[in-house]
């Protein structure tokens, strides 16, 4: 318990610090930490921006992991409390995870444990997206020839802009960006690869062979996307993710003790809802530099 609380506290501090940095620099990095400390000393009000960003993002991440944890408890599968990972990255964290200690025995249990996290996180990210866009201030187009970093909108943001008339170009605000990060994390977890949440769901729905084809297909598409993103937008983030998938996370999924019990029609419907969430949250080119 002490380790979990300590990591959560460190992650909260990390996210707050980068929530202070982000509004004032184009690309946040560890090199801007002295500047962030200086900003806090000169303008303590900047802390409110970091706090708003941290509270929103941590709520999304915590909901996601508790979704997995509660589903594990429901099926009697031993799992740890969430581990949060502080990091000097653009968003202030590498996210969070739980460690499942028991073998998941049935397709139904695997499906429910896998889908519970993304859906729970999306339930928090959805109102955060609306609130972030509601309070967002319109921003003018950047000057011609200016060097800018652009955070591309997911389909959910685009739909909100179209149906509610929210501005398409906005100044940075903490709730808006926290929702953006939460949606990106949701889509990445829903990729049907290895033991990602999407991998669990696809394995439960279509079995070992279907999962293998889906995993290799998505891995090939992500590799192609990484090349295009770097060539067109000078963004190398997908290369990092492809390496993580290929070398660290892996593309395979372990077998279940019982792979024959039908999953049920209701879970197929929930799987379709999960696919819709993925479509609403996935960004082919999340960041571009121009």
Protein backbone atom coordinates (compact mmCIF):
# COMPACT_ATOMS: atom_id res chain seq x y z
CA UNK A 1 0.00 0.00 0.00
CA UNK A 2 2.84 2.41 0.85
CA UNK A 3 4.38 1.93 -2.59
CA UNK A 4 1.06 2.58 -4.35
CA UNK A 5 0.42 5.78 -2.36
CA UNK A 6 4.00 7.00 -2.89
CA UNK A 7 3.86 6.44 -6.64
CA UNK A 8 0.46 8.14 -6.84
CA UNK A 9 1.80 11.17 -4.93
CA UNK A 10 4.93 11.39 -7.10
CA UNK A 11 2.84 11.09 -10.25
CA UNK A 12 0.51 13.83 -9.02
CA UNK A 13 3.51 16.12 -8.44
CA UNK A 14 4.98 15.24 -11.84
CA UNK A 15 1.70 15.96 -13.63
CA UNK A 16 1.19 19.23 -11.73
CA UNK A 17 4.68 20.44 -12.66
CA UNK A 18 4.19 19.71 -16.34
CA UNK A 19 0.72 21.21 -16.15
CA UNK A 20 2.50 24.43 -15.19
CA UNK A 21 5.08 24.08 -17.97
CA UNK A 22 2.74 23.23 -20.84
CA UNK A 23 0.91 26.56 -21.25
CA UNK A 24 4.16 28.49 -21.59
CA UNK A 25 6.35 26.29 -23.81
CA UNK A 26 5.86 24.45 -27.11
CA UNK A 27 7.27 21.11 -25.96
CA UNK A 28 7.50 20.29 -22.26
CA UNK A 29 10.59 18.37 -21.17
CA UNK A 30 12.81 17.83 -18.16
CA UNK A 31 14.90 20.82 -19.31
CA UNK A 32 12.01 23.15 -18.48
CA UNK A 33 11.79 22.09 -14.82
CA UNK A 34 13.85 25.07 -13.55
CA UNK A 35 11.60 27.37 -15.58
CA UNK A 36 8.50 25.74 -14.07
CA UNK A 37 9.84 26.23 -10.54
CA UNK A 38 10.59 29.84 -11.38
CA UNK A 39 7.07 30.35 -12.69
CA UNK A 40 5.58 28.94 -9.50
CA UNK A 41 7.73 31.21 -7.34
CA UNK A 42 6.89 34.31 -9.38
CA UNK A 43 3.22 33.48 -10.07
CA UNK A 44 1.74 31.06 -7.52
CA UNK A 45 -1.58 31.31 -9.39
CA UNK A 46 0.01 29.10 -12.07
CA UNK A 47 -0.36 26.24 -9.59
CA UNK A 48 -4.12 26.22 -10.18
CA UNK A 49 -3.54 25.32 -13.84
CA UNK A 50 -1.30 22.42 -12.88
CA UNK A 51 -3.77 21.25 -10.23
CA UNK A 52 -6.72 21.32 -12.64
CA UNK A 53 -4.73 19.37 -15.20
CA UNK A 54 -3.55 16.81 -12.64
CA UNK A 55 -6.97 16.28 -11.03
CA UNK A 56 -8.65 15.69 -14.39
CA UNK A 57 -6.00 13.38 -15.80
CA UNK A 58 -5.60 11.41 -12.57
CA UNK A 59 -9.38 10.93 -12.39
CA UNK A 60 -9.40 9.44 -15.89
CA UNK A 61 -6.41 7.17 -15.22
CA UNK A 62 -7.73 6.10 -11.81
CA UNK A 63 -11.18 5.27 -13.22
CA UNK A 64 -9.55 3.18 -15.95
CA UNK A 65 -7.47 1.11 -13.53
CA UNK A 66 -10.25 0.74 -10.96
CA UNK A 67 -12.46 -0.59 -13.75
CA UNK A 68 -9.96 -3.42 -14.25
CA UNK A 69 -9.47 -3.91 -10.50
CA UNK A 70 -13.19 -4.14 -9.68
CA UNK A 71 -13.77 -6.58 -12.54
CA UNK A 72 -10.90 -8.73 -11.24
CA UNK A 73 -12.40 -8.72 -7.75
CA UNK A 74 -15.80 -9.70 -9.19
CA UNK A 75 -14.31 -12.80 -10.82
CA UNK A 76 -12.08 -13.68 -7.86
CA UNK A 77 -8.90 -12.90 -9.81
CA UNK A 78 -6.14 -11.56 -7.58
CA UNK A 79 -4.82 -8.17 -8.73
CA UNK A 80 -2.81 -5.36 -7.22
CA UNK A 81 -3.98 -1.82 -6.66
CA UNK A 82 -2.94 0.59 -9.45
CA UNK A 83 0.71 1.51 -9.88
CA UNK A 84 1.06 5.08 -11.18
CA UNK A 85 4.22 5.99 -13.08
CA UNK A 86 5.66 9.51 -12.75
CA UNK A 87 7.77 10.58 -15.71
CA UNK A 88 9.42 13.73 -17.14
CA UNK A 89 7.39 13.46 -20.34
CA UNK A 90 5.15 15.83 -22.27
CA UNK A 91 2.15 14.85 -20.13
CA UNK A 92 3.94 14.22 -16.82
CA UNK A 93 3.35 10.47 -16.56
CA UNK A 94 3.65 7.11 -18.28
CA UNK A 95 0.16 6.23 -17.05
CA UNK A 96 -0.82 3.50 -14.61
CA UNK A 97 -1.34 -0.25 -14.49
CA UNK A 98 -2.47 -3.08 -12.25
CA UNK A 99 -0.71 -6.43 -12.04
CA UNK A 100 -2.97 -9.48 -12.36
CA UNK A 101 -1.61 -12.32 -10.23
CA UNK A 102 -3.95 -15.16 -11.22
CA UNK A 103 -4.71 -16.85 -14.51
CA UNK A 104 -7.94 -15.59 -16.07
CA UNK A 105 -9.95 -18.73 -16.68
CA UNK A 106 -12.88 -17.91 -18.98
CA UNK A 107 -13.57 -15.80 -22.06
CA UNK A 108 -16.30 -13.92 -20.21
CA UNK A 109 -13.98 -12.97 -17.37
CA UNK A 110 -11.25 -11.95 -19.82
CA UNK A 111 -13.67 -9.80 -21.80
CA UNK A 112 -15.12 -8.07 -18.75
CA UNK A 113 -11.73 -7.38 -17.17
CA UNK A 114 -10.34 -6.08 -20.47
CA UNK A 115 -13.22 -3.79 -21.44
CA UNK A 116 -13.98 -2.43 -17.95
CA UNK A 117 -10.93 -0.16 -17.85
CA UNK A 118 -11.36 1.72 -21.16
CA UNK A 119 -15.11 2.15 -20.65
CA UNK A 120 -14.68 3.44 -17.09
CA UNK A 121 -11.97 5.87 -18.18
CA UNK A 122 -14.10 7.06 -21.10
CA UNK A 123 -17.02 7.74 -18.76
CA UNK A 124 -14.81 10.31 -16.99
CA UNK A 125 -13.05 11.58 -20.14
CA UNK A 126 -16.34 12.32 -21.93
CA UNK A 127 -17.63 15.04 -19.57
CA UNK A 128 -14.06 16.30 -19.13
CA UNK A 129 -13.89 16.78 -22.92
CA UNK A 130 -17.16 18.71 -22.92
CA UNK A 131 -16.13 20.92 -19.98
CA UNK A 132 -12.67 21.52 -21.44
CA UNK A 133 -14.15 22.69 -24.74
CA UNK A 134 -16.88 24.68 -22.98
CA UNK A 135 -14.33 26.84 -21.14
CA UNK A 136 -11.82 26.94 -24.01
CA UNK A 137 -10.93 30.32 -25.50
CA UNK A 138 -10.75 30.61 -29.31
CA UNK A 139 -7.22 31.01 -30.65
CA UNK A 140 -6.23 32.78 -33.88
CA UNK A 141 -4.40 30.84 -36.61
CA UNK A 142 -0.60 30.87 -36.11
CA UNK A 143 1.39 33.37 -38.18
CA UNK A 144 2.54 32.09 -41.56
CA UNK A 145 5.96 30.50 -41.24
CA UNK A 146 5.79 30.26 -37.45
CA UNK A 147 7.13 27.13 -35.76
CA UNK A 148 4.25 25.57 -33.81
CA UNK A 149 3.29 22.32 -32.13
CA UNK A 150 -0.25 21.19 -33.00
CA UNK A 151 -2.26 18.69 -30.96
CA UNK A 152 -4.66 17.09 -33.42
CA UNK A 153 -8.27 16.52 -32.39
CA UNK A 154 -9.83 13.07 -31.92
CA UNK A 155 -13.16 12.41 -33.59
CA UNK A 156 -14.97 13.05 -30.29
CA UNK A 157 -13.63 16.62 -30.19
CA UNK A 158 -14.54 17.16 -33.84
CA UNK A 159 -18.12 16.01 -33.21
CA UNK A 160 -18.41 18.33 -30.20
CA UNK A 161 -17.15 21.19 -32.33
CA UNK A 162 -19.68 20.46 -35.07
CA UNK A 163 -22.77 19.86 -32.94
CA UNK A 164 -22.18 22.38 -30.14
CA UNK A 165 -20.32 25.03 -32.09
CA UNK A 166 -17.16 24.87 -29.98
CA UNK A 167 -14.11 26.61 -31.50
CA UNK A 168 -11.78 24.44 -33.58
CA UNK A 169 -8.62 26.26 -32.56
CA UNK A 170 -8.27 27.04 -28.86
CA UNK A 171 -5.74 28.22 -26.35
CA UNK A 172 -4.35 25.56 -24.02
CA UNK A 173 -6.45 24.89 -20.95
CA UNK A 174 -5.81 22.18 -18.35
CA UNK A 175 -9.13 20.29 -18.50
CA UNK A 176 -9.13 20.25 -22.31
CA UNK A 177 -5.60 18.87 -22.51
CA UNK A 178 -6.14 16.33 -19.71
CA UNK A 179 -9.17 15.02 -21.61
CA UNK A 180 -7.06 14.89 -24.79
CA UNK A 181 -4.40 12.82 -23.01
CA UNK A 182 -7.04 10.57 -21.46
CA UNK A 183 -8.67 9.89 -24.83
CA UNK A 184 -5.29 9.11 -26.41
CA UNK A 185 -4.47 6.68 -23.59
CA UNK A 186 -7.88 5.02 -23.99
CA UNK A 187 -7.37 4.47 -27.72
CA UNK A 188 -3.86 3.07 -27.25
CA UNK A 189 -5.11 0.59 -24.66
CA UNK A 190 -7.91 -0.52 -26.98
CA UNK A 191 -5.55 -1.61 -29.76
CA UNK A 192 -6.12 -5.38 -30.24
CA UNK A 193 -2.51 -6.34 -29.59
CA UNK A 194 -0.94 -8.69 -27.04
CA UNK A 195 -2.23 -8.18 -23.51
CA UNK A 196 -3.43 -4.63 -24.01
CA UNK A 197 -7.09 -4.13 -23.08
CA UNK A 198 -8.07 -4.41 -26.73
CA UNK A 199 -6.03 -7.59 -26.97
CA UNK A 200 -8.01 -9.12 -24.09
CA UNK A 201 -11.30 -8.12 -25.71
CA UNK A 202 -10.42 -9.47 -29.17
CA UNK A 203 -9.05 -12.74 -27.73
CA UNK A 204 -12.28 -13.21 -25.77
CA UNK A 205 -14.44 -12.43 -28.82
CA UNK A 206 -12.69 -14.31 -31.64
CA UNK A 207 -10.16 -16.61 -29.97
CA UNK A 208 -6.46 -17.29 -30.31
CA UNK A 209 -6.21 -17.41 -34.10
CA UNK A 210 -8.30 -14.28 -34.62
CA UNK A 211 -6.25 -12.44 -32.01
CA UNK A 212 -3.01 -13.41 -33.73
CA UNK A 213 -4.18 -12.07 -37.10
CA UNK A 214 -5.52 -8.88 -35.52
CA UNK A 215 -2.33 -8.29 -33.54
CA UNK A 216 0.01 -8.69 -36.50
CA UNK A 217 -2.27 -6.63 -38.73
CA UNK A 218 -2.43 -3.74 -36.26
CA UNK A 219 1.33 -3.96 -35.67
CA UNK A 220 1.94 -3.63 -39.42
CA UNK A 221 -0.51 -0.71 -39.68
CA UNK A 222 1.10 1.06 -36.70
CA UNK A 223 4.53 0.63 -38.26
CA UNK A 224 3.28 2.18 -41.52
CA UNK A 225 1.59 4.95 -39.55
CA UNK A 226 4.84 5.67 -37.73
CA UNK A 227 6.66 6.16 -41.03
CA UNK A 228 3.96 8.47 -42.42
CA UNK A 229 3.72 10.47 -39.17
CA UNK A 230 7.44 11.08 -39.13
CA UNK A 231 7.69 11.97 -42.82
CA UNK A 232 4.68 14.32 -42.84
CA UNK A 233 4.60 15.73 -39.31
CA UNK A 234 8.10 15.09 -37.88
CA UNK A 235 6.55 13.15 -35.01
CA UNK A 236 8.34 9.99 -33.90
CA UNK A 237 5.95 8.94 -31.13
CA UNK A 238 4.52 5.99 -33.03
CA UNK A 239 8.03 4.55 -33.49
CA UNK A 240 8.38 4.47 -29.70
CA UNK A 241 5.02 2.74 -29.34
CA UNK A 242 5.80 0.20 -32.06
CA UNK A 243 9.06 -0.67 -30.28
CA UNK A 244 7.21 -1.04 -26.98
CA UNK A 245 4.67 -3.35 -28.62
CA UNK A 246 7.22 -5.44 -30.47
CA UNK A 247 9.94 -5.79 -27.85
CA UNK A 248 8.45 -5.20 -24.41
CA UNK A 249 4.70 -5.81 -24.42
CA UNK A 250 4.68 -8.49 -27.11
CA UNK A 251 2.02 -9.42 -29.64
CA UNK A 252 0.95 -12.78 -28.17
CA UNK A 253 -1.77 -13.49 -25.62
CA UNK A 254 -1.59 -16.34 -23.07
CA UNK A 255 -4.22 -19.10 -23.36
CA UNK A 256 -7.21 -19.44 -21.06
CA UNK A 257 -8.11 -22.44 -18.93
CA UNK A 258 -11.57 -22.53 -20.57
CA UNK A 259 -11.77 -21.24 -24.13
CA UNK A 260 -14.98 -23.04 -25.09
CA UNK A 261 -17.69 -21.36 -23.00
CA UNK A 262 -19.66 -18.95 -25.22
CA UNK A 263 -19.17 -15.27 -24.48
CA UNK A 264 -22.82 -14.31 -24.89
CA UNK A 265 -24.63 -11.87 -27.18
CA UNK A 266 -24.65 -9.01 -24.67
CA UNK A 267 -20.86 -8.93 -24.58
CA UNK A 268 -20.74 -8.76 -28.37
CA UNK A 269 -22.87 -5.60 -28.12
CA UNK A 270 -20.52 -4.19 -25.47
CA UNK A 271 -17.61 -5.08 -27.75
CA UNK A 272 -19.21 -2.97 -30.48
CA UNK A 273 -19.51 -0.11 -27.98
CA UNK A 274 -15.80 -0.55 -27.25
CA UNK A 275 -15.08 -0.30 -30.98
CA UNK A 276 -17.09 2.95 -31.15
CA UNK A 277 -15.08 4.32 -28.21
CA UNK A 278 -11.87 3.43 -30.05
CA UNK A 279 -13.06 5.23 -33.21
CA UNK A 280 -14.01 8.32 -31.17
CA UNK A 281 -10.67 8.47 -29.36
CA UNK A 282 -7.99 7.27 -31.79
CA UNK A 283 -5.79 9.92 -33.44
CA UNK A 284 -3.67 8.76 -36.40
CA UNK A 285 -1.39 11.78 -36.01
CA UNK A 286 -1.73 13.04 -32.42
CA UNK A 287 1.00 15.67 -32.62
CA UNK A 288 2.48 17.53 -35.55
CA UNK A 289 5.34 20.00 -35.77
CA UNK A 290 5.27 22.68 -38.40
